[in-house]
Amino acid sequence: MRGCQSQVWIDGNNLDGHLWFDADSDAFIVKGLLGVVLAAYNGKTPQQIMNFDIEDYFAQLGLIKHLSPTRGNGLRAMVKRIQAMAASV
């Protein structure tokens, strides 16, 4: 995935109008970040995914301030990929 130094794989399934994602990475910290992202998006409709304020979610968690700029960019690249998948449904 572009924007991420680690390898990331994201797959999505549409079940009755709700999207469920499976994701993996070759880096343990990225696997953890994927878990945070999937907790925000799994089971939502495409419209809910598009409307969800992910930056506010990250701010509430205090997540971004603990990441390097590179990890933050990678995290946002994962979010953009999921949002693109939701937009294509």
Protein backbone atom coordinates (compact mmCIF):
# COMPACT_ATOMS: atom_id res chain seq x y z
CA MET A 1 0.00 0.00 0.00
CA ARG A 2 1.37 3.44 -0.90
CA GLY A 3 2.19 5.70 2.01
CA CYS A 4 3.17 2.82 4.23
CA GLN A 5 6.66 1.35 4.62
CA SER A 6 5.22 -1.99 5.68
CA GLN A 7 3.21 -4.35 3.54
CA VAL A 8 -0.55 -4.04 4.13
CA TRP A 9 -3.36 -6.14 2.69
CA ILE A 10 -7.00 -5.12 2.97
CA ASP A 11 -9.96 -7.10 1.66
CA GLY A 12 -13.61 -6.13 2.00
CA ASN A 13 -16.89 -7.99 1.87
CA ASN A 14 -20.36 -6.55 1.47
CA LEU A 15 -22.88 -8.46 3.57
CA ASP A 16 -26.42 -7.14 3.31
CA GLY A 17 -25.22 -3.59 2.66
CA HIS A 18 -22.68 -3.56 5.49
CA LEU A 19 -18.96 -3.73 4.83
CA TRP A 20 -16.63 -6.05 6.70
CA PHE A 21 -12.89 -5.82 6.25
CA ASP A 22 -10.05 -8.26 6.77
CA ALA A 23 -6.57 -6.81 6.96
CA ASP A 24 -3.05 -7.95 7.64
CA SER A 25 0.47 -6.57 7.64
CA ASP A 26 4.01 -7.81 7.92
CA ALA A 27 4.65 -5.39 10.82
CA PHE A 28 3.22 -5.91 14.30
CA ILE A 29 2.60 -2.21 14.99
CA VAL A 30 0.75 -1.86 11.70
CA LYS A 31 -1.40 -4.87 12.59
CA GLY A 32 -2.37 -2.99 15.75
CA LEU A 33 -3.16 0.16 13.80
CA LEU A 34 -5.27 -1.89 11.40
CA GLY A 35 -7.20 -3.20 14.39
CA VAL A 36 -7.99 0.37 15.45
CA VAL A 37 -9.09 1.29 11.93
CA LEU A 38 -11.20 -1.85 11.51
CA ALA A 39 -12.89 -1.21 14.86
CA ALA A 40 -14.05 2.12 13.44
CA TYR A 41 -15.30 0.81 10.08
CA ASN A 42 -16.34 -2.85 10.29
CA GLY A 43 -20.08 -3.45 10.01
CA LYS A 44 -20.91 0.02 8.74
CA THR A 45 -22.69 0.86 5.50
CA PRO A 46 -20.66 2.53 2.75
CA GLN A 47 -22.40 5.83 3.53
CA GLN A 48 -21.57 5.56 7.23
CA ILE A 49 -17.95 4.90 6.33
CA MET A 50 -17.84 7.95 4.09
CA ASN A 51 -19.47 10.15 6.77
CA PHE A 52 -17.38 8.89 9.70
CA ASP A 53 -14.96 11.51 11.06
CA ILE A 54 -11.88 9.32 11.37
CA GLU A 55 -9.62 12.23 12.34
CA ASP A 56 -11.88 12.97 15.33
CA TYR A 57 -11.80 9.26 16.23
CA PHE A 58 -7.99 9.29 16.15
CA ALA A 59 -7.97 12.52 18.20
CA GLN A 60 -10.24 10.99 20.85
CA LEU A 61 -7.86 8.05 21.10
CA GLY A 62 -4.83 10.36 21.22
CA LEU A 63 -3.34 8.13 18.55
CA ILE A 64 -1.64 10.44 16.04
CA LYS A 65 0.57 12.18 18.60
CA HIS A 66 2.17 8.81 19.38
CA LEU A 67 3.04 7.97 15.77
CA SER A 68 5.94 9.04 13.64
CA PRO A 69 5.01 11.11 10.58
CA THR A 70 5.65 8.06 8.38
CA ARG A 71 3.35 5.85 10.47
CA GLY A 72 0.71 8.60 10.47
CA ASN A 73 0.89 8.77 6.66
CA GLY A 74 0.60 5.01 6.45
CA LEU A 75 -2.41 5.04 8.76
CA ARG A 76 -4.13 7.64 6.59
CA ALA A 77 -3.32 5.59 3.47
CA MET A 78 -5.11 2.62 5.05
CA VAL A 79 -8.13 4.83 5.78
CA LYS A 80 -8.16 6.15 2.21
CA ARG A 81 -8.10 2.61 0.86
CA ILE A 82 -11.09 1.59 2.98
CA GLN A 83 -12.94 4.76 2.02
CA ALA A 84 -12.22 4.07 -1.65
CA MET A 85 -13.55 0.54 -1.27
CA ALA A 86 -16.71 1.91 0.37
CA ALA A 87 -17.15 4.50 -2.38
CA SER A 88 -16.94 1.81 -5.07
CA VAL A 89 -19.84 -0.23 -3.67
